[in-house]
Amino acid sequence: MSISAALVMKLRERTGAGMMECKKALVATNGDIEQAITEMRKAGQAKADKKADRIAAEGAIIIARGADGHQAVIIEINSETDFVAKNNEFISFAEEVSKLALKASGKLENILKLEMKNKKNVND
């Protein structure tokens, strides 16, 4: 089956995956985008399982204080490499999570459910 570039782009927009990964998934699923997404998630979980034992020894510790000065949170977010830990997006993410944590009274299960600026939950 021939897979159009438009179909590959549509899948790429929905998943954020690379062009070749999207094309391979679409070829494997005969152009079915929903099935391709499912297959990509399965493959991603398999990759994640392989990396689960790796140590995330780099990262950032962010401290946020409430406006009244009576509340504060300390957030530690880890990454595998210092390259990621020093990235502006990573630091911005950690700072945003710390501010959200103040609203959630520091309870992890509440923090993970909070919606970020990008409309995703912290857990996502």
PDB file of N, CA and C in Angstrom:
ATOM      1  N   MET A   1       0.835  -1.182   0.000  1.00  0.00           N
ATOM      2  CA  MET A   1       0.000   0.000   0.000  1.00  0.00           C
ATOM      3  C   MET A   1       0.881   1.246   0.000  1.00  0.00           C
ATOM      4  N   SER A   2       0.504   2.217  -0.803  1.00  0.00           N
ATOM      5  CA  SER A   2       1.235   3.475  -0.879  1.00  0.00           C
ATOM      6  C   SER A   2       0.706   4.426   0.200  1.00  0.00           C
ATOM      7  N   ILE A   3       1.609   4.979   0.952  1.00  0.00           N
ATOM      8  CA  ILE A   3       1.252   5.892   2.038  1.00  0.00           C
ATOM      9  C   ILE A   3       1.590   7.313   1.594  1.00  0.00           C
ATOM     10  N   SER A   4       0.595   8.194   1.607  1.00  0.00           N
ATOM     11  CA  SER A   4       0.815   9.572   1.157  1.00  0.00           C
ATOM     12  C   SER A   4       1.562  10.379   2.215  1.00  0.00           C
ATOM     13  N   ALA A   5       2.246  11.396   1.742  1.00  0.00           N
ATOM     14  CA  ALA A   5       2.970  12.285   2.656  1.00  0.00           C
ATOM     15  C   ALA A   5       1.996  13.002   3.585  1.00  0.00           C
ATOM     16  N   ALA A   6       0.803  13.313   3.085  1.00  0.00           N
ATOM     17  CA  ALA A   6      -0.204  13.995   3.910  1.00  0.00           C
ATOM     18  C   ALA A   6      -0.633  13.116   5.081  1.00  0.00           C
ATOM     19  N   LEU A   7      -0.773  11.812   4.825  1.00  0.00           N
ATOM     20  CA  LEU A   7      -1.162  10.882   5.885  1.00  0.00           C
ATOM     21  C   LEU A   7      -0.047  10.767   6.927  1.00  0.00           C
ATOM     22  N   VAL A   8       1.188  10.727   6.458  1.00  0.00           N
ATOM     23  CA  VAL A   8       2.337  10.674   7.369  1.00  0.00           C
ATOM     24  C   VAL A   8       2.370  11.940   8.226  1.00  0.00           C
ATOM     25  N   MET A   9       2.151  13.089   7.609  1.00  0.00           N
ATOM     26  CA  MET A   9       2.157  14.359   8.348  1.00  0.00           C
ATOM     27  C   MET A   9       1.026  14.407   9.374  1.00  0.00           C
ATOM     28  N   LYS A  10      -0.128  13.875   9.006  1.00  0.00           N
ATOM     29  CA  LYS A  10      -1.265  13.860   9.931  1.00  0.00           C
ATOM     30  C   LYS A  10      -0.926  13.035  11.175  1.00  0.00           C
ATOM     31  N   LEU A  11      -0.314  11.865  10.965  1.00  0.00           N
ATOM     32  CA  LEU A  11       0.085  11.019  12.090  1.00  0.00           C
ATOM     33  C   LEU A  11       1.184  11.703  12.899  1.00  0.00           C
ATOM     34  N   ARG A  12       2.095  12.343  12.216  1.00  0.00           N
ATOM     35  CA  ARG A  12       3.197  13.033  12.898  1.00  0.00           C
ATOM     36  C   ARG A  12       2.677  14.169  13.776  1.00  0.00           C
ATOM     37  N   GLU A  13       1.686  14.907  13.279  1.00  0.00           N
ATOM     38  CA  GLU A  13       1.092  15.994  14.061  1.00  0.00           C
ATOM     39  C   GLU A  13       0.418  15.463  15.319  1.00  0.00           C
ATOM     40  N   ARG A  14      -0.209  14.305  15.215  1.00  0.00           N
ATOM     41  CA  ARG A  14      -0.929  13.736  16.361  1.00  0.00           C
ATOM     42  C   ARG A  14      -0.003  13.102  17.383  1.00  0.00           C
ATOM     43  N   THR A  15       1.151  12.606  16.929  1.00  0.00           N
ATOM     44  CA  THR A  15       2.018  11.855  17.840  1.00  0.00           C
ATOM     45  C   THR A  15       3.320  12.564  18.186  1.00  0.00           C
ATOM     46  N   GLY A  16       3.780  13.447  17.318  1.00  0.00           N
ATOM     47  CA  GLY A  16       5.068  14.086  17.541  1.00  0.00           C
ATOM     48  C   GLY A  16       6.242  13.180  17.199  1.00  0.00           C
ATOM     49  N   ALA A  17       5.955  12.034  16.612  1.00  0.00           N
ATOM     50  CA  ALA A  17       7.003  11.073  16.249  1.00  0.00           C
ATOM     51  C   ALA A  17       7.695  11.511  14.960  1.00  0.00           C
ATOM     52  N   GLY A  18       8.829  10.887  14.671  1.00  0.00           N
ATOM     53  CA  GLY A  18       9.578  11.192  13.465  1.00  0.00           C
ATOM     54  C   GLY A  18       8.873  10.708  12.208  1.00  0.00           C
ATOM     55  N   MET A  19       9.250  11.280  11.076  1.00  0.00           N
ATOM     56  CA  MET A  19       8.615  10.947   9.792  1.00  0.00           C
ATOM     57  C   MET A  19       8.731   9.460   9.461  1.00  0.00           C
ATOM     58  N   MET A  20       9.926   8.908   9.597  1.00  0.00           N
ATOM     59  CA  MET A  20      10.116   7.503   9.230  1.00  0.00           C
ATOM     60  C   MET A  20       9.356   6.573  10.169  1.00  0.00           C
ATOM     61  N   GLU A  21       9.329   6.904  11.453  1.00  0.00           N
ATOM     62  CA  GLU A  21       8.582   6.081  12.404  1.00  0.00           C
ATOM     63  C   GLU A  21       7.095   6.102  12.054  1.00  0.00           C
ATOM     64  N   CYS A  22       6.587   7.268  11.685  1.00  0.00           N
ATOM     65  CA  CYS A  22       5.181   7.384  11.292  1.00  0.00           C
ATOM     66  C   CYS A  22       4.898   6.580  10.027  1.00  0.00           C
ATOM     67  N   LYS A  23       5.788   6.695   9.056  1.00  0.00           N
ATOM     68  CA  LYS A  23       5.577   5.968   7.806  1.00  0.00           C
ATOM     69  C   LYS A  23       5.603   4.461   8.048  1.00  0.00           C
ATOM     70  N   LYS A  24       6.559   3.978   8.834  1.00  0.00           N
ATOM     71  CA  LYS A  24       6.634   2.543   9.129  1.00  0.00           C
ATOM     72  C   LYS A  24       5.367   2.060   9.816  1.00  0.00           C
ATOM     73  N   ALA A  25       4.860   2.850  10.759  1.00  0.00           N
ATOM     74  CA  ALA A  25       3.642   2.465  11.479  1.00  0.00           C
ATOM     75  C   ALA A  25       2.448   2.432  10.536  1.00  0.00           C
ATOM     76  N   LEU A  26       2.367   3.387   9.625  1.00  0.00           N
ATOM     77  CA  LEU A  26       1.253   3.420   8.671  1.00  0.00           C
ATOM     78  C   LEU A  26       1.333   2.269   7.674  1.00  0.00           C
ATOM     79  N   VAL A  27       2.529   1.946   7.224  1.00  0.00           N
ATOM     80  CA  VAL A  27       2.697   0.803   6.315  1.00  0.00           C
ATOM     81  C   VAL A  27       2.280  -0.480   7.020  1.00  0.00           C
ATOM     82  N   ALA A  28       2.699  -0.640   8.268  1.00  0.00           N
ATOM     83  CA  ALA A  28       2.384  -1.852   9.034  1.00  0.00           C
ATOM     84  C   ALA A  28       0.891  -1.993   9.308  1.00  0.00           C
ATOM     85  N   THR A  29       0.168  -0.866   9.328  1.00  0.00           N
ATOM     86  CA  THR A  29      -1.267  -0.908   9.646  1.00  0.00           C
ATOM     87  C   THR A  29      -2.134  -0.573   8.434  1.00  0.00           C
ATOM     88  N   ASN A  30      -1.552  -0.656   7.244  1.00  0.00           N
ATOM     89  CA  ASN A  30      -2.273  -0.386   5.993  1.00  0.00           C
ATOM     90  C   ASN A  30      -2.955   0.979   5.985  1.00  0.00           C
ATOM     91  N   GLY A  31      -2.292   1.975   6.543  1.00  0.00           N
ATOM     92  CA  GLY A  31      -2.790   3.340   6.487  1.00  0.00           C
ATOM     93  C   GLY A  31      -3.819   3.713   7.543  1.00  0.00           C
ATOM     94  N   ASP A  32      -4.062   2.836   8.506  1.00  0.00           N
ATOM     95  CA  ASP A  32      -5.039   3.112   9.570  1.00  0.00           C
ATOM     96  C   ASP A  32      -4.354   3.928  10.670  1.00  0.00           C
ATOM     97  N   ILE A  33      -4.690   5.206  10.763  1.00  0.00           N
ATOM     98  CA  ILE A  33      -4.015   6.100  11.714  1.00  0.00           C
ATOM     99  C   ILE A  33      -4.227   5.660  13.155  1.00  0.00           C
ATOM    100  N   GLU A  34      -5.450   5.331  13.523  1.00  0.00           N
ATOM    101  CA  GLU A  34      -5.728   4.939  14.912  1.00  0.00           C
ATOM    102  C   GLU A  34      -4.945   3.686  15.297  1.00  0.00           C
ATOM    103  N   GLN A  35      -4.916   2.721  14.399  1.00  0.00           N
ATOM    104  CA  GLN A  35      -4.167   1.491  14.671  1.00  0.00           C
ATOM    105  C   GLN A  35      -2.664   1.789  14.713  1.00  0.00           C
ATOM    106  N   ALA A  36      -2.212   2.695  13.857  1.00  0.00           N
ATOM    107  CA  ALA A  36      -0.794   3.080  13.848  1.00  0.00           C
ATOM    108  C   ALA A  36      -0.407   3.717  15.185  1.00  0.00           C
ATOM    109  N   ILE A  37      -1.288   4.562  15.722  1.00  0.00           N
ATOM    110  CA  ILE A  37      -1.022   5.190  17.024  1.00  0.00           C
ATOM    111  C   ILE A  37      -0.925   4.125  18.103  1.00  0.00           C
ATOM    112  N   THR A  38      -1.839   3.164  18.068  1.00  0.00           N
ATOM    113  CA  THR A  38      -1.818   2.071  19.046  1.00  0.00           C
ATOM    114  C   THR A  38      -0.518   1.288  18.953  1.00  0.00           C
ATOM    115  N   GLU A  39      -0.097   0.966  17.744  1.00  0.00           N
ATOM    116  CA  GLU A  39       1.146   0.215  17.548  1.00  0.00           C
ATOM    117  C   GLU A  39       2.362   1.023  18.003  1.00  0.00           C
ATOM    118  N   MET A  40       2.342   2.316  17.744  1.00  0.00           N
ATOM    119  CA  MET A  40       3.457   3.169  18.163  1.00  0.00           C
ATOM    120  C   MET A  40       3.526   3.243  19.689  1.00  0.00           C
ATOM    121  N   ARG A  41       2.378   3.279  20.341  1.00  0.00           N
ATOM    122  CA  ARG A  41       2.366   3.284  21.810  1.00  0.00           C
ATOM    123  C   ARG A  41       2.941   1.985  22.356  1.00  0.00           C
ATOM    124  N   LYS A  42       2.556   0.863  21.750  1.00  0.00           N
ATOM    125  CA  LYS A  42       3.093  -0.429  22.192  1.00  0.00           C
ATOM    126  C   LYS A  42       4.606  -0.459  22.026  1.00  0.00           C
ATOM    127  N   ALA A  43       5.082   0.014  20.887  1.00  0.00           N
ATOM    128  CA  ALA A  43       6.525   0.034  20.630  1.00  0.00           C
ATOM    129  C   ALA A  43       7.222   0.976  21.605  1.00  0.00           C
ATOM    130  N   GLY A  44       6.588   2.103  21.895  1.00  0.00           N
ATOM    131  CA  GLY A  44       7.150   3.058  22.851  1.00  0.00           C
ATOM    132  C   GLY A  44       7.228   2.480  24.248  1.00  0.00           C
ATOM    133  N   GLN A  45       6.205   1.717  24.635  1.00  0.00           N
ATOM    134  CA  GLN A  45       6.215   1.091  25.956  1.00  0.00           C
ATOM    135  C   GLN A  45       7.327   0.054  26.032  1.00  0.00           C
ATOM    136  N   ALA A  46       7.535  -0.683  24.950  1.00  0.00           N
ATOM    137  CA  ALA A  46       8.612  -1.678  24.931  1.00  0.00           C
ATOM    138  C   ALA A  46       9.967  -0.989  25.091  1.00  0.00           C
ATOM    139  N   LYS A  47      10.138   0.150  24.409  1.00  0.00           N
ATOM    140  CA  LYS A  47      11.385   0.908  24.545  1.00  0.00           C
ATOM    141  C   LYS A  47      11.538   1.424  25.974  1.00  0.00           C
ATOM    142  N   ALA A  48      10.443   1.914  26.533  1.00  0.00           N
ATOM    143  CA  ALA A  48      10.483   2.439  27.903  1.00  0.00           C
ATOM    144  C   ALA A  48      10.830   1.338  28.894  1.00  0.00           C
ATOM    145  N   ASP A  49      10.273   0.145  28.684  1.00  0.00           N
ATOM    146  CA  ASP A  49      10.574  -0.975  29.574  1.00  0.00           C
ATOM    147  C   ASP A  49      12.062  -1.311  29.552  1.00  0.00           C
ATOM    148  N   LYS A  50      12.685  -1.219  28.365  1.00  0.00           N
ATOM    149  CA  LYS A  50      14.114  -1.503  28.250  1.00  0.00           C
ATOM    150  C   LYS A  50      14.948  -0.465  29.000  1.00  0.00           C
ATOM    151  N   LYS A  51      14.440   0.767  29.055  1.00  0.00           N
ATOM    152  CA  LYS A  51      15.186   1.854  29.682  1.00  0.00           C
ATOM    153  C   LYS A  51      14.835   2.045  31.152  1.00  0.00           C
ATOM    154  N   ALA A  52      13.892   1.285  31.651  1.00  0.00           N
ATOM    155  CA  ALA A  52      13.391   1.482  33.016  1.00  0.00           C
ATOM    156  C   ALA A  52      14.478   1.330  34.075  1.00  0.00           C
ATOM    157  N   ASP A  53      15.460   0.510  33.819  1.00  0.00           N
ATOM    158  CA  ASP A  53      16.511   0.275  34.801  1.00  0.00           C
ATOM    159  C   ASP A  53      17.634   1.313  34.745  1.00  0.00           C
ATOM    160  N   ARG A  54      17.584   2.194  33.764  1.00  0.00           N
ATOM    161  CA  ARG A  54      18.624   3.203  33.650  1.00  0.00           C
ATOM    162  C   ARG A  54      18.476   4.233  34.763  1.00  0.00           C
ATOM    163  N   ILE A  55      19.583   4.742  35.205  1.00  0.00           N
ATOM    164  CA  ILE A  55      19.586   5.698  36.307  1.00  0.00           C
ATOM    165  C   ILE A  55      19.466   7.118  35.761  1.00  0.00           C
ATOM    166  N   ALA A  56      18.529   7.860  36.316  1.00  0.00           N
ATOM    167  CA  ALA A  56      18.362   9.267  35.970  1.00  0.00           C
ATOM    168  C   ALA A  56      19.044  10.082  37.064  1.00  0.00           C
ATOM    169  N   ALA A  57      20.342  10.301  36.890  1.00  0.00           N
ATOM    170  CA  ALA A  57      21.142  10.921  37.944  1.00  0.00           C
ATOM    171  C   ALA A  57      21.311  12.429  37.772  1.00  0.00           C
ATOM    172  N   GLU A  58      20.859  12.969  36.662  1.00  0.00           N
ATOM    173  CA  GLU A  58      20.958  14.412  36.427  1.00  0.00           C
ATOM    174  C   GLU A  58      19.579  15.020  36.637  1.00  0.00           C
ATOM    175  N   GLY A  59      19.488  16.318  36.643  1.00  0.00           N
ATOM    176  CA  GLY A  59      18.181  16.942  36.788  1.00  0.00           C
ATOM    177  C   GLY A  59      18.257  18.315  37.412  1.00  0.00           C
ATOM    178  N   ALA A  60      17.135  18.700  38.017  1.00  0.00           N
ATOM    179  CA  ALA A  60      17.048  20.026  38.625  1.00  0.00           C
ATOM    180  C   ALA A  60      16.247  19.944  39.913  1.00  0.00           C
ATOM    181  N   ILE A  61      16.609  20.787  40.845  1.00  0.00           N
ATOM    182  CA  ILE A  61      15.839  20.956  42.072  1.00  0.00           C
ATOM    183  C   ILE A  61      15.362  22.404  42.068  1.00  0.00           C
ATOM    184  N   ILE A  62      14.053  22.555  42.140  1.00  0.00           N
ATOM    185  CA  ILE A  62      13.451  23.881  42.080  1.00  0.00           C
ATOM    186  C   ILE A  62      12.700  24.138  43.382  1.00  0.00           C
ATOM    187  N   ILE A  63      12.868  25.319  43.924  1.00  0.00           N
ATOM    188  CA  ILE A  63      12.150  25.722  45.134  1.00  0.00           C
ATOM    189  C   ILE A  63      11.201  26.853  44.749  1.00  0.00           C
ATOM    190  N   ALA A  64       9.942  26.698  45.134  1.00  0.00           N
ATOM    191  CA  ALA A  64       8.957  27.755  44.892  1.00  0.00           C
ATOM    192  C   ALA A  64       8.329  28.133  46.224  1.00  0.00           C
ATOM    193  N   ARG A  65       8.132  29.430  46.413  1.00  0.00           N
ATOM    194  CA  ARG A  65       7.554  29.920  47.662  1.00  0.00           C
ATOM    195  C   ARG A  65       6.240  30.618  47.351  1.00  0.00           C
ATOM    196  N   GLY A  66       5.242  30.374  48.185  1.00  0.00           N
ATOM    197  CA  GLY A  66       3.954  31.027  48.029  1.00  0.00           C
ATOM    198  C   GLY A  66       4.059  32.520  48.272  1.00  0.00           C
ATOM    199  N   ALA A  67       3.099  33.268  47.741  1.00  0.00           N
ATOM    200  CA  ALA A  67       3.116  34.727  47.862  1.00  0.00           C
ATOM    201  C   ALA A  67       3.067  35.184  49.311  1.00  0.00           C
ATOM    202  N   ASP A  68       2.398  34.408  50.165  1.00  0.00           N
ATOM    203  CA  ASP A  68       2.285  34.794  51.574  1.00  0.00           C
ATOM    204  C   ASP A  68       3.527  34.437  52.388  1.00  0.00           C
ATOM    205  N   GLY A  69       4.428  33.682  51.804  1.00  0.00           N
ATOM    206  CA  GLY A  69       5.652  33.291  52.486  1.00  0.00           C
ATOM    207  C   GLY A  69       5.487  32.158  53.478  1.00  0.00           C
ATOM    208  N   HIS A  70       4.285  31.599  53.572  1.00  0.00           N
ATOM    209  CA  HIS A  70       4.026  30.525  54.535  1.00  0.00           C
ATOM    210  C   HIS A  70       4.050  29.141  53.899  1.00  0.00           C
ATOM    211  N   GLN A  71       4.095  29.087  52.595  1.00  0.00           N
ATOM    212  CA  GLN A  71       4.148  27.800  51.905  1.00  0.00           C
ATOM    213  C   GLN A  71       5.365  27.776  50.990  1.00  0.00           C
ATOM    214  N   ALA A  72       5.903  26.585  50.823  1.00  0.00           N
ATOM    215  CA  ALA A  72       7.007  26.399  49.885  1.00  0.00           C
ATOM    216  C   ALA A  72       7.012  24.945  49.436  1.00  0.00           C
ATOM    217  N   VAL A  73       7.540  24.721  48.254  1.00  0.00           N
ATOM    218  CA  VAL A  73       7.713  23.354  47.760  1.00  0.00           C
ATOM    219  C   VAL A  73       9.116  23.220  47.196  1.00  0.00           C
ATOM    220  N   ILE A  74       9.620  22.020  47.275  1.00  0.00           N
ATOM    221  CA  ILE A  74      10.889  21.672  46.646  1.00  0.00           C
ATOM    222  C   ILE A  74      10.583  20.529  45.694  1.00  0.00           C
ATOM    223  N   ILE A  75      10.900  20.724  44.430  1.00  0.00           N
ATOM    224  CA  ILE A  75      10.635  19.725  43.396  1.00  0.00           C
ATOM    225  C   ILE A  75      11.966  19.243  42.835  1.00  0.00           C
ATOM    226  N   GLU A  76      12.124  17.940  42.761  1.00  0.00           N
ATOM    227  CA  GLU A  76      13.289  17.350  42.103  1.00  0.00           C
ATOM    228  C   GLU A  76      12.786  16.592  40.888  1.00  0.00           C
ATOM    229  N   ILE A  77      13.272  16.975  39.724  1.00  0.00           N
ATOM    230  CA  ILE A  77      12.916  16.293  38.482  1.00  0.00           C
ATOM    231  C   ILE A  77      14.214  15.830  37.847  1.00  0.00           C
ATOM    232  N   ASN A  78      14.276  14.549  37.528  1.00  0.00           N
ATOM    233  CA  ASN A  78      15.518  13.949  37.039  1.00  0.00           C
ATOM    234  C   ASN A  78      15.482  13.649  35.549  1.00  0.00           C
ATOM    235  N   SER A  79      16.668  13.575  34.979  1.00  0.00           N
ATOM    236  CA  SER A  79      16.860  13.162  33.591  1.00  0.00           C
ATOM    237  C   SER A  79      18.097  12.271  33.542  1.00  0.00           C
ATOM    238  N   GLU A  80      18.274  11.616  32.425  1.00  0.00           N
ATOM    239  CA  GLU A  80      19.427  10.722  32.290  1.00  0.00           C
ATOM    240  C   GLU A  80      20.718  11.475  31.998  1.00  0.00           C
ATOM    241  N   THR A  81      20.608  12.630  31.357  1.00  0.00           N
ATOM    242  CA  THR A  81      21.828  13.337  30.952  1.00  0.00           C
ATOM    243  C   THR A  81      21.813  14.787  31.422  1.00  0.00           C
ATOM    244  N   ASP A  82      22.996  15.344  31.584  1.00  0.00           N
ATOM    245  CA  ASP A  82      23.091  16.754  31.955  1.00  0.00           C
ATOM    246  C   ASP A  82      22.677  17.644  30.792  1.00  0.00           C
ATOM    247  N   PHE A  83      22.809  17.131  29.574  1.00  0.00           N
ATOM    248  CA  PHE A  83      22.390  17.879  28.389  1.00  0.00           C
ATOM    249  C   PHE A  83      20.909  18.228  28.493  1.00  0.00           C
ATOM    250  N   VAL A  84      20.092  17.269  28.873  1.00  0.00           N
ATOM    251  CA  VAL A  84      18.655  17.506  29.043  1.00  0.00           C
ATOM    252  C   VAL A  84      18.410  18.396  30.255  1.00  0.00           C
ATOM    253  N   ALA A  85      19.087  18.114  31.354  1.00  0.00           N
ATOM    254  CA  ALA A  85      18.864  18.848  32.605  1.00  0.00           C
ATOM    255  C   ALA A  85      19.171  20.341  32.472  1.00  0.00           C
ATOM    256  N   LYS A  86      20.060  20.699  31.564  1.00  0.00           N
ATOM    257  CA  LYS A  86      20.428  22.103  31.378  1.00  0.00           C
ATOM    258  C   LYS A  86      19.609  22.782  30.284  1.00  0.00           C
ATOM    259  N   ASN A  87      18.737  22.030  29.638  1.00  0.00           N
ATOM    260  CA  ASN A  87      17.902  22.538  28.562  1.00  0.00           C
ATOM    261  C   ASN A  87      16.862  23.506  29.126  1.00  0.00           C
ATOM    262  N   ASN A  88      16.640  24.623  28.444  1.00  0.00           N
ATOM    263  CA  ASN A  88      15.671  25.618  28.916  1.00  0.00           C
ATOM    264  C   ASN A  88      14.261  25.056  29.046  1.00  0.00           C
ATOM    265  N   GLU A  89      13.866  24.170  28.141  1.00  0.00           N
ATOM    266  CA  GLU A  89      12.528  23.572  28.223  1.00  0.00           C
ATOM    267  C   GLU A  89      12.391  22.718  29.479  1.00  0.00           C
ATOM    268  N   PHE A  90      13.424  21.977  29.810  1.00  0.00           N
ATOM    269  CA  PHE A  90      13.408  21.135  31.010  1.00  0.00           C
ATOM    270  C   PHE A  90      13.291  22.002  32.261  1.00  0.00           C
ATOM    271  N   ILE A  91      14.074  23.050  32.309  1.00  0.00           N
ATOM    272  CA  ILE A  91      14.050  23.947  33.471  1.00  0.00           C
ATOM    273  C   ILE A  91      12.698  24.653  33.573  1.00  0.00           C
ATOM    274  N   SER A  92      12.153  25.096  32.435  1.00  0.00           N
ATOM    275  CA  SER A  92      10.832  25.736  32.445  1.00  0.00           C
ATOM    276  C   SER A  92       9.765  24.768  32.930  1.00  0.00           C
ATOM    277  N   PHE A  93       9.866  23.511  32.485  1.00  0.00           N
ATOM    278  CA  PHE A  93       8.931  22.478  32.941  1.00  0.00           C
ATOM    279  C   PHE A  93       9.015  22.325  34.457  1.00  0.00           C
ATOM    280  N   ALA A  94      10.226  22.221  34.981  1.00  0.00           N
ATOM    281  CA  ALA A  94      10.415  22.049  36.425  1.00  0.00           C
ATOM    282  C   ALA A  94       9.874  23.249  37.196  1.00  0.00           C
ATOM    283  N   GLU A  95      10.102  24.452  36.685  1.00  0.00           N
ATOM    284  CA  GLU A  95       9.591  25.656  37.348  1.00  0.00           C
ATOM    285  C   GLU A  95       8.068  25.691  37.334  1.00  0.00           C
ATOM    286  N   GLU A  96       7.464  25.315  36.205  1.00  0.00           N
ATOM    287  CA  GLU A  96       5.998  25.299  36.118  1.00  0.00           C
ATOM    288  C   GLU A  96       5.407  24.266  37.071  1.00  0.00           C
ATOM    289  N   VAL A  97       6.025  23.097  37.145  1.00  0.00           N
ATOM    290  CA  VAL A  97       5.547  22.055  38.064  1.00  0.00           C
ATOM    291  C   VAL A  97       5.646  22.541  39.506  1.00  0.00           C
ATOM    292  N   SER A  98       6.716  23.241  39.840  1.00  0.00           N
ATOM    293  CA  SER A  98       6.863  23.723  41.223  1.00  0.00           C
ATOM    294  C   SER A  98       5.771  24.724  41.574  1.00  0.00           C
ATOM    295  N   LYS A  99       5.417  25.587  40.637  1.00  0.00           N
ATOM    296  CA  LYS A  99       4.342  26.559  40.888  1.00  0.00           C
ATOM    297  C   LYS A  99       2.995  25.853  41.026  1.00  0.00           C
ATOM    298  N   LEU A 100       2.774  24.849  40.193  1.00  0.00           N
ATOM    299  CA  LEU A 100       1.530  24.077  40.293  1.00  0.00           C
ATOM    300  C   LEU A 100       1.473  23.304  41.604  1.00  0.00           C
ATOM    301  N   ALA A 101       2.628  22.841  42.069  1.00  0.00           N
ATOM    302  CA  ALA A 101       2.677  22.066  43.312  1.00  0.00           C
ATOM    303  C   ALA A 101       2.210  22.893  44.503  1.00  0.00           C
ATOM    304  N   LEU A 102       2.458  24.183  44.465  1.00  0.00           N
ATOM    305  CA  LEU A 102       1.968  25.057  45.538  1.00  0.00           C
ATOM    306  C   LEU A 102       0.444  25.019  45.610  1.00  0.00           C
ATOM    307  N   LYS A 103      -0.202  24.984  44.449  1.00  0.00           N
ATOM    308  CA  LYS A 103      -1.665  24.949  44.397  1.00  0.00           C
ATOM    309  C   LYS A 103      -2.216  23.609  44.872  1.00  0.00           C
ATOM    310  N   ALA A 104      -1.425  22.553  44.722  1.00  0.00           N
ATOM    311  CA  ALA A 104      -1.889  21.199  45.048  1.00  0.00           C
ATOM    312  C   ALA A 104      -1.514  20.785  46.460  1.00  0.00           C
ATOM    313  N   SER A 105      -1.056  21.701  47.248  1.00  0.00           N
ATOM    314  CA  SER A 105      -0.632  21.419  48.628  1.00  0.00           C
ATOM    315  C   SER A 105       0.449  20.353  48.700  1.00  0.00           C
ATOM    316  N   GLY A 106       1.228  20.203  47.646  1.00  0.00           N
ATOM    317  CA  GLY A 106       2.366  19.308  47.666  1.00  0.00           C
ATOM    318  C   GLY A 106       2.076  17.829  47.563  1.00  0.00           C
ATOM    319  N   LYS A 107       0.826  17.431  47.389  1.00  0.00           N
ATOM    320  CA  LYS A 107       0.499  16.006  47.288  1.00  0.00           C
ATOM    321  C   LYS A 107       0.751  15.534  45.858  1.00  0.00           C
ATOM    322  N   LEU A 108       1.608  14.525  45.713  1.00  0.00           N
ATOM    323  CA  LEU A 108       2.026  14.060  44.395  1.00  0.00           C
ATOM    324  C   LEU A 108       0.848  13.684  43.512  1.00  0.00           C
ATOM    325  N   GLU A 109      -0.107  12.920  44.038  1.00  0.00           N
ATOM    326  CA  GLU A 109      -1.236  12.490  43.206  1.00  0.00           C
ATOM    327  C   GLU A 109      -2.036  13.682  42.692  1.00  0.00           C
ATOM    328  N   ASN A 110      -2.096  14.766  43.454  1.00  0.00           N
ATOM    329  CA  ASN A 110      -2.788  15.974  42.997  1.00  0.00           C
ATOM    330  C   ASN A 110      -1.952  16.739  41.972  1.00  0.00           C
ATOM    331  N   ILE A 111      -0.656  16.779  42.193  1.00  0.00           N
ATOM    332  CA  ILE A 111       0.240  17.483  41.271  1.00  0.00           C
ATOM    333  C   ILE A 111       0.189  16.837  39.888  1.00  0.00           C
ATOM    334  N   LEU A 112       0.224  15.523  39.834  1.00  0.00           N
ATOM    335  CA  LEU A 112       0.242  14.809  38.556  1.00  0.00           C
ATOM    336  C   LEU A 112      -1.014  15.047  37.731  1.00  0.00           C
ATOM    337  N   LYS A 113      -2.116  15.403  38.365  1.00  0.00           N
ATOM    338  CA  LYS A 113      -3.387  15.627  37.665  1.00  0.00           C
ATOM    339  C   LYS A 113      -3.550  17.057  37.167  1.00  0.00           C
ATOM    340  N   LEU A 114      -2.720  17.971  37.632  1.00  0.00           N
ATOM    341  CA  LEU A 114      -2.875  19.379  37.276  1.00  0.00           C
ATOM    342  C   LEU A 114      -2.571  19.635  35.807  1.00  0.00           C
ATOM    343  N   GLU A 115      -3.295  20.596  35.234  1.00  0.00           N
ATOM    344  CA  GLU A 115      -3.111  20.945  33.830  1.00  0.00           C
ATOM    345  C   GLU A 115      -2.057  22.039  33.694  1.00  0.00           C
ATOM    346  N   MET A 116      -1.146  21.821  32.761  1.00  0.00           N
ATOM    347  CA  MET A 116      -0.075  22.783  32.514  1.00  0.00           C
ATOM    348  C   MET A 116      -0.507  23.762  31.423  1.00  0.00           C
ATOM    349  N   LYS A 117       0.349  24.713  31.107  1.00  0.00           N
ATOM    350  CA  LYS A 117       0.051  25.714  30.077  1.00  0.00           C
ATOM    351  C   LYS A 117      -0.224  25.074  28.719  1.00  0.00           C
ATOM    352  N   ASN A 118       0.434  23.952  28.446  1.00  0.00           N
ATOM    353  CA  ASN A 118       0.269  23.285  27.150  1.00  0.00           C
ATOM    354  C   ASN A 118      -0.966  22.394  27.103  1.00  0.00           C
ATOM    355  N   LYS A 119      -1.817  22.475  28.134  1.00  0.00           N
ATOM    356  CA  LYS A 119      -3.085  21.743  28.244  1.00  0.00           C
ATOM    357  C   LYS A 119      -2.908  20.264  28.543  1.00  0.00           C
ATOM    358  N   LYS A 120      -1.688  19.826  28.817  1.00  0.00           N
ATOM    359  CA  LYS A 120      -1.444  18.445  29.225  1.00  0.00           C
ATOM    360  C   LYS A 120      -1.334  18.401  30.735  1.00  0.00           C
ATOM    361  N   ASN A 121      -1.640  17.239  31.296  1.00  0.00           N
ATOM    362  CA  ASN A 121      -1.436  17.055  32.730  1.00  0.00           C
ATOM    363  C   ASN A 121       0.053  16.895  33.000  1.00  0.00           C
ATOM    364  N   VAL A 122       0.476  17.181  34.212  1.00  0.00           N
ATOM    365  CA  VAL A 122       1.881  17.018  34.591  1.00  0.00           C
ATOM    366  C   VAL A 122       2.315  15.584  34.319  1.00  0.00           C
ATOM    367  N   ASN A 123       1.445  14.626  34.608  1.00  0.00           N
ATOM    368  CA  ASN A 123       1.763  13.211  34.419  1.00  0.00           C
ATOM    369  C   ASN A 123       2.036  12.862  32.957  1.00  0.00           C
ATOM    370  N   ASP A 124       1.419  13.602  32.020  1.00  0.00           N
ATOM    371  CA  ASP A 124       1.595  13.311  30.592  1.00  0.00           C
ATOM    372  C   ASP A 124       2.988  13.680  30.149  1.00  0.00           C
TER     373      ASP A 124
END
